[in-house]
Amino acid sequence: MKTYLKTPTTELTVHQIRFIVCETIKWCETNVGIKRYGVKYCVRTLNDKHEPTYGCYDHNKKIIMIFRNHNPTVKFIVKTVLHEYAHYLQNLRWYNKVLQKVGYNKHPQEIEARIIENRYGNCWKQIKNKIYEKIY
């Protein structure tokens, strides 16, 4: 079975999802940018007590977290990694202060992250064969 952007994440193991996340981050390092320190990542299950979210970037721990049970397809995984990688590259020092003033949808750093996440098609074209070879 080949993996497509529309492949449900419920059909993939955690190991397979981690590999997709890893390849997406490698693509980001080449095509979006890097910092002097690398970024870590993890794939987690977010329990039902929390508000549904696709992922987050913890700037204190320098880690991208992807919540597999809230990303219904491979497309969502790739877009989420791109979005959170954008936050990894940003200076988030004033993020919360700006968030209080303008809200999430008008936050300049969220707008920038959404622009980068929309590059998922280019990313997928370059990583899909690696995904297929490794996963299957």
N, C-alpha and C. Protein backbone atom coordinates (compact mmCIF):
# COMPACT_ATOMS: atom_id res chain seq x y z
N MET A 1 0.85 -1.19 0.00
CA MET A 1 0.00 0.00 0.00
C MET A 1 0.89 1.24 0.00
N LYS A 2 0.65 2.12 -0.93
CA LYS A 2 1.43 3.35 -1.02
C LYS A 2 0.81 4.42 -0.12
N THR A 3 1.64 5.29 0.40
CA THR A 3 1.17 6.36 1.28
C THR A 3 0.92 7.61 0.44
N TYR A 4 -0.22 8.21 0.63
CA TYR A 4 -0.62 9.44 -0.06
C TYR A 4 -0.92 10.51 0.98
N LEU A 5 -1.06 11.74 0.52
CA LEU A 5 -1.45 12.81 1.45
C LEU A 5 -2.79 12.52 2.12
N LYS A 6 -3.67 11.84 1.41
CA LYS A 6 -5.00 11.56 1.97
C LYS A 6 -5.04 10.28 2.81
N THR A 7 -3.90 9.58 2.96
CA THR A 7 -3.87 8.38 3.78
C THR A 7 -4.21 8.72 5.23
N PRO A 8 -5.20 8.03 5.80
CA PRO A 8 -5.54 8.28 7.21
C PRO A 8 -4.40 7.87 8.14
N THR A 9 -4.15 8.66 9.14
CA THR A 9 -3.09 8.35 10.09
C THR A 9 -3.44 7.11 10.91
N THR A 10 -4.71 6.76 10.97
CA THR A 10 -5.11 5.56 11.70
C THR A 10 -4.59 4.30 11.01
N GLU A 11 -4.19 4.40 9.76
CA GLU A 11 -3.64 3.26 9.02
C GLU A 11 -2.12 3.15 9.18
N LEU A 12 -1.52 4.09 9.92
CA LEU A 12 -0.07 4.13 10.08
C LEU A 12 0.31 3.85 11.52
N THR A 13 1.49 3.27 11.70
CA THR A 13 2.01 3.07 13.05
C THR A 13 2.66 4.36 13.53
N VAL A 14 2.94 4.43 14.81
CA VAL A 14 3.63 5.60 15.35
C VAL A 14 5.01 5.71 14.70
N HIS A 15 5.66 4.58 14.48
CA HIS A 15 6.98 4.59 13.82
C HIS A 15 6.88 5.20 12.42
N GLN A 16 5.87 4.84 11.67
CA GLN A 16 5.69 5.39 10.33
C GLN A 16 5.41 6.89 10.37
N ILE A 17 4.61 7.32 11.32
CA ILE A 17 4.32 8.76 11.46
C ILE A 17 5.60 9.50 11.83
N ARG A 18 6.39 8.93 12.74
CA ARG A 18 7.67 9.56 13.12
C ARG A 18 8.57 9.72 11.91
N PHE A 19 8.60 8.72 11.05
CA PHE A 19 9.45 8.80 9.86
C PHE A 19 8.98 9.93 8.94
N ILE A 20 7.68 10.09 8.79
CA ILE A 20 7.13 11.19 7.97
C ILE A 20 7.53 12.53 8.59
N VAL A 21 7.41 12.64 9.91
CA VAL A 21 7.80 13.87 10.61
C VAL A 21 9.28 14.15 10.39
N CYS A 22 10.11 13.13 10.53
CA CYS A 22 11.56 13.28 10.37
C CYS A 22 11.91 13.75 8.96
N GLU A 23 11.33 13.14 7.94
CA GLU A 23 11.61 13.53 6.56
C GLU A 23 11.11 14.94 6.26
N THR A 24 10.00 15.31 6.86
CA THR A 24 9.48 16.67 6.67
C THR A 24 10.42 17.69 7.31
N ILE A 25 10.94 17.38 8.48
CA ILE A 25 11.90 18.29 9.13
C ILE A 25 13.17 18.40 8.30
N LYS A 26 13.66 17.30 7.76
CA LYS A 26 14.85 17.35 6.89
C LYS A 26 14.59 18.25 5.68
N TRP A 27 13.38 18.15 5.12
CA TRP A 27 13.02 19.00 3.98
C TRP A 27 13.04 20.47 4.43
N CYS A 28 12.50 20.74 5.60
CA CYS A 28 12.48 22.11 6.13
C CYS A 28 13.89 22.66 6.30
N GLU A 29 14.79 21.84 6.81
CA GLU A 29 16.16 22.29 7.02
C GLU A 29 16.81 22.72 5.71
N THR A 30 16.48 22.05 4.64
CA THR A 30 17.05 22.37 3.33
C THR A 30 16.31 23.51 2.64
N ASN A 31 15.00 23.59 2.82
CA ASN A 31 14.18 24.49 2.01
C ASN A 31 13.57 25.68 2.74
N VAL A 32 13.58 25.64 4.07
CA VAL A 32 12.97 26.74 4.84
C VAL A 32 14.02 27.51 5.63
N GLY A 33 14.96 26.79 6.26
CA GLY A 33 16.01 27.44 7.03
C GLY A 33 16.43 26.61 8.22
N ILE A 34 17.53 27.00 8.84
CA ILE A 34 18.02 26.32 10.02
C ILE A 34 18.50 27.35 11.04
N LYS A 35 18.63 26.92 12.27
CA LYS A 35 19.22 27.72 13.33
C LYS A 35 20.51 27.06 13.76
N ARG A 36 21.25 27.72 14.61
CA ARG A 36 22.53 27.16 15.05
C ARG A 36 22.34 25.92 15.92
N TYR A 37 21.18 25.77 16.51
CA TYR A 37 20.87 24.55 17.26
C TYR A 37 19.74 23.82 16.54
N GLY A 38 19.78 22.53 16.59
CA GLY A 38 18.76 21.73 15.91
C GLY A 38 17.47 21.68 16.68
N VAL A 39 16.48 21.15 16.04
CA VAL A 39 15.18 21.00 16.68
C VAL A 39 14.93 19.51 16.92
N LYS A 40 14.33 19.21 18.05
CA LYS A 40 13.92 17.85 18.36
C LYS A 40 12.44 17.73 18.01
N TYR A 41 11.98 16.51 17.93
CA TYR A 41 10.55 16.30 17.66
C TYR A 41 10.08 15.05 18.37
N CYS A 42 8.78 14.98 18.57
CA CYS A 42 8.17 13.77 19.11
C CYS A 42 6.75 13.66 18.57
N VAL A 43 6.28 12.44 18.54
CA VAL A 43 4.89 12.15 18.14
C VAL A 43 4.19 11.63 19.38
N ARG A 44 3.12 12.29 19.73
CA ARG A 44 2.40 11.95 20.96
C ARG A 44 0.92 11.75 20.68
N THR A 45 0.25 11.17 21.66
CA THR A 45 -1.20 11.09 21.66
C THR A 45 -1.68 12.10 22.70
N LEU A 46 -2.54 12.99 22.28
CA LEU A 46 -3.07 14.01 23.19
C LEU A 46 -4.37 13.48 23.77
N ASN A 47 -4.46 13.39 25.10
CA ASN A 47 -5.67 12.81 25.68
C ASN A 47 -6.87 13.74 25.47
N ASP A 48 -8.05 13.20 25.67
CA ASP A 48 -9.29 13.91 25.36
C ASP A 48 -9.57 15.09 26.27
N LYS A 49 -8.84 15.23 27.37
CA LYS A 49 -9.06 16.35 28.29
C LYS A 49 -8.60 17.67 27.67
N HIS A 50 -7.65 17.59 26.73
CA HIS A 50 -7.08 18.79 26.12
C HIS A 50 -7.88 19.23 24.90
N GLU A 51 -7.82 20.51 24.65
CA GLU A 51 -8.43 21.05 23.44
C GLU A 51 -7.71 20.47 22.23
N PRO A 52 -8.45 19.99 21.24
CA PRO A 52 -7.80 19.40 20.06
C PRO A 52 -6.82 20.37 19.40
N THR A 53 -5.64 19.88 19.14
CA THR A 53 -4.61 20.65 18.45
C THR A 53 -3.77 19.69 17.63
N TYR A 54 -3.29 20.15 16.49
CA TYR A 54 -2.50 19.28 15.61
C TYR A 54 -1.08 19.09 16.13
N GLY A 55 -0.53 20.14 16.70
CA GLY A 55 0.84 20.08 17.20
C GLY A 55 1.20 21.37 17.89
N CYS A 56 2.42 21.45 18.40
CA CYS A 56 2.90 22.67 19.02
C CYS A 56 4.42 22.68 19.01
N TYR A 57 4.98 23.86 19.20
CA TYR A 57 6.42 24.00 19.34
C TYR A 57 6.69 24.57 20.72
N ASP A 58 7.45 23.85 21.51
CA ASP A 58 7.85 24.31 22.84
C ASP A 58 9.21 24.98 22.69
N HIS A 59 9.22 26.32 22.72
CA HIS A 59 10.48 27.05 22.48
C HIS A 59 11.46 26.92 23.66
N ASN A 60 10.99 26.57 24.84
CA ASN A 60 11.90 26.36 25.97
C ASN A 60 12.69 25.05 25.83
N LYS A 61 12.00 24.02 25.37
CA LYS A 61 12.65 22.71 25.20
C LYS A 61 13.15 22.49 23.77
N LYS A 62 12.83 23.43 22.87
CA LYS A 62 13.24 23.32 21.46
C LYS A 62 12.74 22.01 20.84
N ILE A 63 11.44 21.75 21.02
CA ILE A 63 10.87 20.51 20.52
C ILE A 63 9.54 20.74 19.82
N ILE A 64 9.38 20.09 18.68
CA ILE A 64 8.12 20.09 17.96
C ILE A 64 7.36 18.85 18.39
N MET A 65 6.13 19.03 18.83
CA MET A 65 5.28 17.90 19.22
C MET A 65 4.13 17.78 18.23
N ILE A 66 3.95 16.59 17.71
CA ILE A 66 2.87 16.30 16.77
C ILE A 66 1.91 15.35 17.48
N PHE A 67 0.64 15.70 17.47
CA PHE A 67 -0.37 14.88 18.14
C PHE A 67 -1.09 14.03 17.10
N ARG A 68 -0.71 12.77 17.03
CA ARG A 68 -1.15 11.89 15.95
C ARG A 68 -2.66 11.68 15.93
N ASN A 69 -3.29 11.67 17.09
CA ASN A 69 -4.73 11.42 17.13
C ASN A 69 -5.56 12.65 16.74
N HIS A 70 -4.93 13.78 16.51
CA HIS A 70 -5.66 14.98 16.06
C HIS A 70 -5.30 15.36 14.63
N ASN A 71 -4.43 14.58 13.99
CA ASN A 71 -4.06 14.78 12.60
C ASN A 71 -4.66 13.63 11.81
N PRO A 72 -5.78 13.85 11.12
CA PRO A 72 -6.50 12.74 10.50
C PRO A 72 -5.81 12.12 9.28
N THR A 73 -4.96 12.88 8.60
CA THR A 73 -4.31 12.36 7.39
C THR A 73 -2.83 12.74 7.36
N VAL A 74 -2.11 12.14 6.43
CA VAL A 74 -0.70 12.47 6.23
C VAL A 74 -0.56 13.94 5.87
N LYS A 75 -1.48 14.47 5.10
CA LYS A 75 -1.43 15.89 4.73
C LYS A 75 -1.42 16.77 5.98
N PHE A 76 -2.24 16.45 6.95
CA PHE A 76 -2.27 17.23 8.19
C PHE A 76 -0.95 17.11 8.94
N ILE A 77 -0.34 15.93 8.94
CA ILE A 77 0.95 15.74 9.60
C ILE A 77 1.99 16.65 8.97
N VAL A 78 2.09 16.60 7.63
CA VAL A 78 3.10 17.40 6.92
C VAL A 78 2.85 18.89 7.15
N LYS A 79 1.60 19.33 7.03
CA LYS A 79 1.29 20.75 7.23
C LYS A 79 1.60 21.18 8.66
N THR A 80 1.30 20.33 9.62
CA THR A 80 1.56 20.67 11.03
C THR A 80 3.05 20.80 11.29
N VAL A 81 3.83 19.88 10.75
CA VAL A 81 5.29 19.97 10.94
C VAL A 81 5.81 21.26 10.33
N LEU A 82 5.37 21.59 9.12
CA LEU A 82 5.81 22.83 8.47
C LEU A 82 5.43 24.04 9.32
N HIS A 83 4.22 24.05 9.83
CA HIS A 83 3.74 25.17 10.65
C HIS A 83 4.58 25.32 11.91
N GLU A 84 4.79 24.21 12.61
CA GLU A 84 5.55 24.27 13.86
C GLU A 84 7.03 24.54 13.61
N TYR A 85 7.56 24.07 12.49
CA TYR A 85 8.94 24.36 12.14
C TYR A 85 9.11 25.87 11.93
N ALA A 86 8.11 26.50 11.35
CA ALA A 86 8.16 27.96 11.18
C ALA A 86 8.30 28.64 12.55
N HIS A 87 7.57 28.14 13.54
CA HIS A 87 7.69 28.72 14.89
C HIS A 87 9.08 28.48 15.47
N TYR A 88 9.66 27.33 15.19
CA TYR A 88 11.02 27.04 15.63
C TYR A 88 12.00 28.09 15.10
N LEU A 89 11.79 28.55 13.88
CA LEU A 89 12.69 29.55 13.29
C LEU A 89 12.43 30.97 13.80
N GLN A 90 11.25 31.20 14.34
CA GLN A 90 10.86 32.55 14.76
C GLN A 90 11.41 32.90 16.15
N ASN A 91 11.53 34.20 16.39
CA ASN A 91 11.81 34.69 17.73
C ASN A 91 10.46 34.84 18.43
N LEU A 92 10.20 33.98 19.38
CA LEU A 92 8.88 33.95 20.03
C LEU A 92 8.83 34.74 21.33
N ARG A 93 9.82 35.60 21.53
CA ARG A 93 9.91 36.35 22.79
C ARG A 93 8.64 37.15 23.09
N TRP A 94 8.09 37.79 22.08
CA TRP A 94 6.91 38.64 22.30
C TRP A 94 5.62 37.99 21.79
N TYR A 95 5.67 36.72 21.53
CA TYR A 95 4.52 36.03 20.93
C TYR A 95 3.24 36.24 21.75
N ASN A 96 3.29 35.96 23.04
CA ASN A 96 2.08 36.04 23.87
C ASN A 96 1.55 37.46 23.99
N LYS A 97 2.43 38.43 24.06
CA LYS A 97 2.00 39.82 24.17
C LYS A 97 1.25 40.24 22.89
N VAL A 98 1.79 39.88 21.75
CA VAL A 98 1.14 40.19 20.46
C VAL A 98 -0.16 39.41 20.34
N LEU A 99 -0.17 38.17 20.80
CA LEU A 99 -1.37 37.33 20.75
C LEU A 99 -2.52 37.99 21.51
N GLN A 100 -2.23 38.55 22.66
CA GLN A 100 -3.26 39.23 23.45
C GLN A 100 -3.83 40.43 22.72
N LYS A 101 -2.98 41.12 21.94
CA LYS A 101 -3.44 42.33 21.26
C LYS A 101 -4.22 42.03 19.99
N VAL A 102 -3.76 41.09 19.19
CA VAL A 102 -4.36 40.90 17.86
C VAL A 102 -5.09 39.58 17.67
N GLY A 103 -4.88 38.63 18.58
CA GLY A 103 -5.53 37.32 18.45
C GLY A 103 -4.75 36.38 17.55
N TYR A 104 -5.15 35.12 17.56
CA TYR A 104 -4.43 34.08 16.83
C TYR A 104 -4.45 34.28 15.31
N ASN A 105 -5.63 34.53 14.76
CA ASN A 105 -5.75 34.62 13.30
C ASN A 105 -5.00 35.79 12.68
N LYS A 106 -4.83 36.88 13.42
CA LYS A 106 -4.14 38.06 12.89
C LYS A 106 -2.71 38.18 13.39
N HIS A 107 -2.26 37.21 14.16
CA HIS A 107 -0.90 37.24 14.70
C HIS A 107 0.10 37.09 13.54
N PRO A 108 1.05 38.03 13.41
CA PRO A 108 1.99 37.97 12.28
C PRO A 108 2.79 36.67 12.22
N GLN A 109 3.14 36.11 13.36
CA GLN A 109 3.91 34.86 13.35
C GLN A 109 3.04 33.66 12.95
N GLU A 110 1.76 33.72 13.25
CA GLU A 110 0.84 32.67 12.80
C GLU A 110 0.59 32.79 11.30
N ILE A 111 0.49 34.01 10.82
CA ILE A 111 0.31 34.23 9.38
C ILE A 111 1.51 33.68 8.63
N GLU A 112 2.71 33.97 9.11
CA GLU A 112 3.92 33.46 8.49
C GLU A 112 3.95 31.93 8.53
N ALA A 113 3.57 31.33 9.65
CA ALA A 113 3.56 29.87 9.78
C ALA A 113 2.56 29.24 8.82
N ARG A 114 1.41 29.89 8.62
CA ARG A 114 0.42 29.37 7.67
C ARG A 114 0.94 29.45 6.23
N ILE A 115 1.70 30.48 5.92
CA ILE A 115 2.30 30.59 4.58
C ILE A 115 3.27 29.42 4.35
N ILE A 116 4.09 29.14 5.36
CA ILE A 116 5.05 28.04 5.23
C ILE A 116 4.34 26.68 5.17
N GLU A 117 3.29 26.51 5.95
CA GLU A 117 2.58 25.22 5.93
C GLU A 117 1.93 24.96 4.58
N ASN A 118 1.63 26.01 3.85
CA ASN A 118 1.03 25.83 2.52
C ASN A 118 2.03 25.36 1.48
N ARG A 119 3.27 25.17 1.87
CA ARG A 119 4.28 24.59 0.98
C ARG A 119 4.28 23.06 1.06
N TYR A 120 3.25 22.51 1.69
CA TYR A 120 3.18 21.06 1.88
C TYR A 120 3.24 20.29 0.57
N GLY A 121 2.68 20.83 -0.51
CA GLY A 121 2.69 20.15 -1.80
C GLY A 121 4.11 19.98 -2.32
N ASN A 122 4.91 21.05 -2.25
CA ASN A 122 6.31 20.97 -2.67
C ASN A 122 7.08 19.99 -1.80
N CYS A 123 6.85 20.06 -0.52
CA CYS A 123 7.52 19.16 0.42
C CYS A 123 7.17 17.71 0.09
N TRP A 124 5.90 17.42 -0.05
CA TRP A 124 5.46 16.05 -0.29
C TRP A 124 6.04 15.49 -1.59
N LYS A 125 6.10 16.30 -2.62
CA LYS A 125 6.68 15.84 -3.89
C LYS A 125 8.11 15.35 -3.71
N GLN A 126 8.84 15.99 -2.82
CA GLN A 126 10.25 15.65 -2.63
C GLN A 126 10.48 14.53 -1.61
N ILE A 127 9.53 14.29 -0.71
CA ILE A 127 9.77 13.26 0.31
C ILE A 127 8.94 12.00 0.12
N LYS A 128 7.93 12.01 -0.73
CA LYS A 128 7.01 10.87 -0.81
C LYS A 128 7.69 9.56 -1.21
N ASN A 129 8.67 9.61 -2.08
CA ASN A 129 9.36 8.37 -2.47
C ASN A 129 10.18 7.80 -1.31
N LYS A 130 10.78 8.67 -0.51
CA LYS A 130 11.51 8.20 0.68
C LYS A 130 10.55 7.56 1.67
N ILE A 131 9.38 8.15 1.80
CA ILE A 131 8.37 7.62 2.70
C ILE A 131 7.95 6.22 2.23
N TYR A 132 7.65 6.11 0.96
CA TYR A 132 7.20 4.84 0.42
C TYR A 132 8.28 3.77 0.57
N GLU A 133 9.54 4.10 0.25
CA GLU A 133 10.62 3.12 0.33
C GLU A 133 10.86 2.66 1.77
N LYS A 134 10.78 3.57 2.72
CA LYS A 134 11.08 3.23 4.11
C LYS A 134 9.91 2.52 4.79
N ILE A 135 8.71 3.00 4.56
CA ILE A 135 7.55 2.48 5.27
C ILE A 135 7.13 1.12 4.74
N TYR A 136 7.27 0.93 3.45
CA TYR A 136 6.77 -0.33 2.88
C TYR A 136 7.88 -1.12 2.35
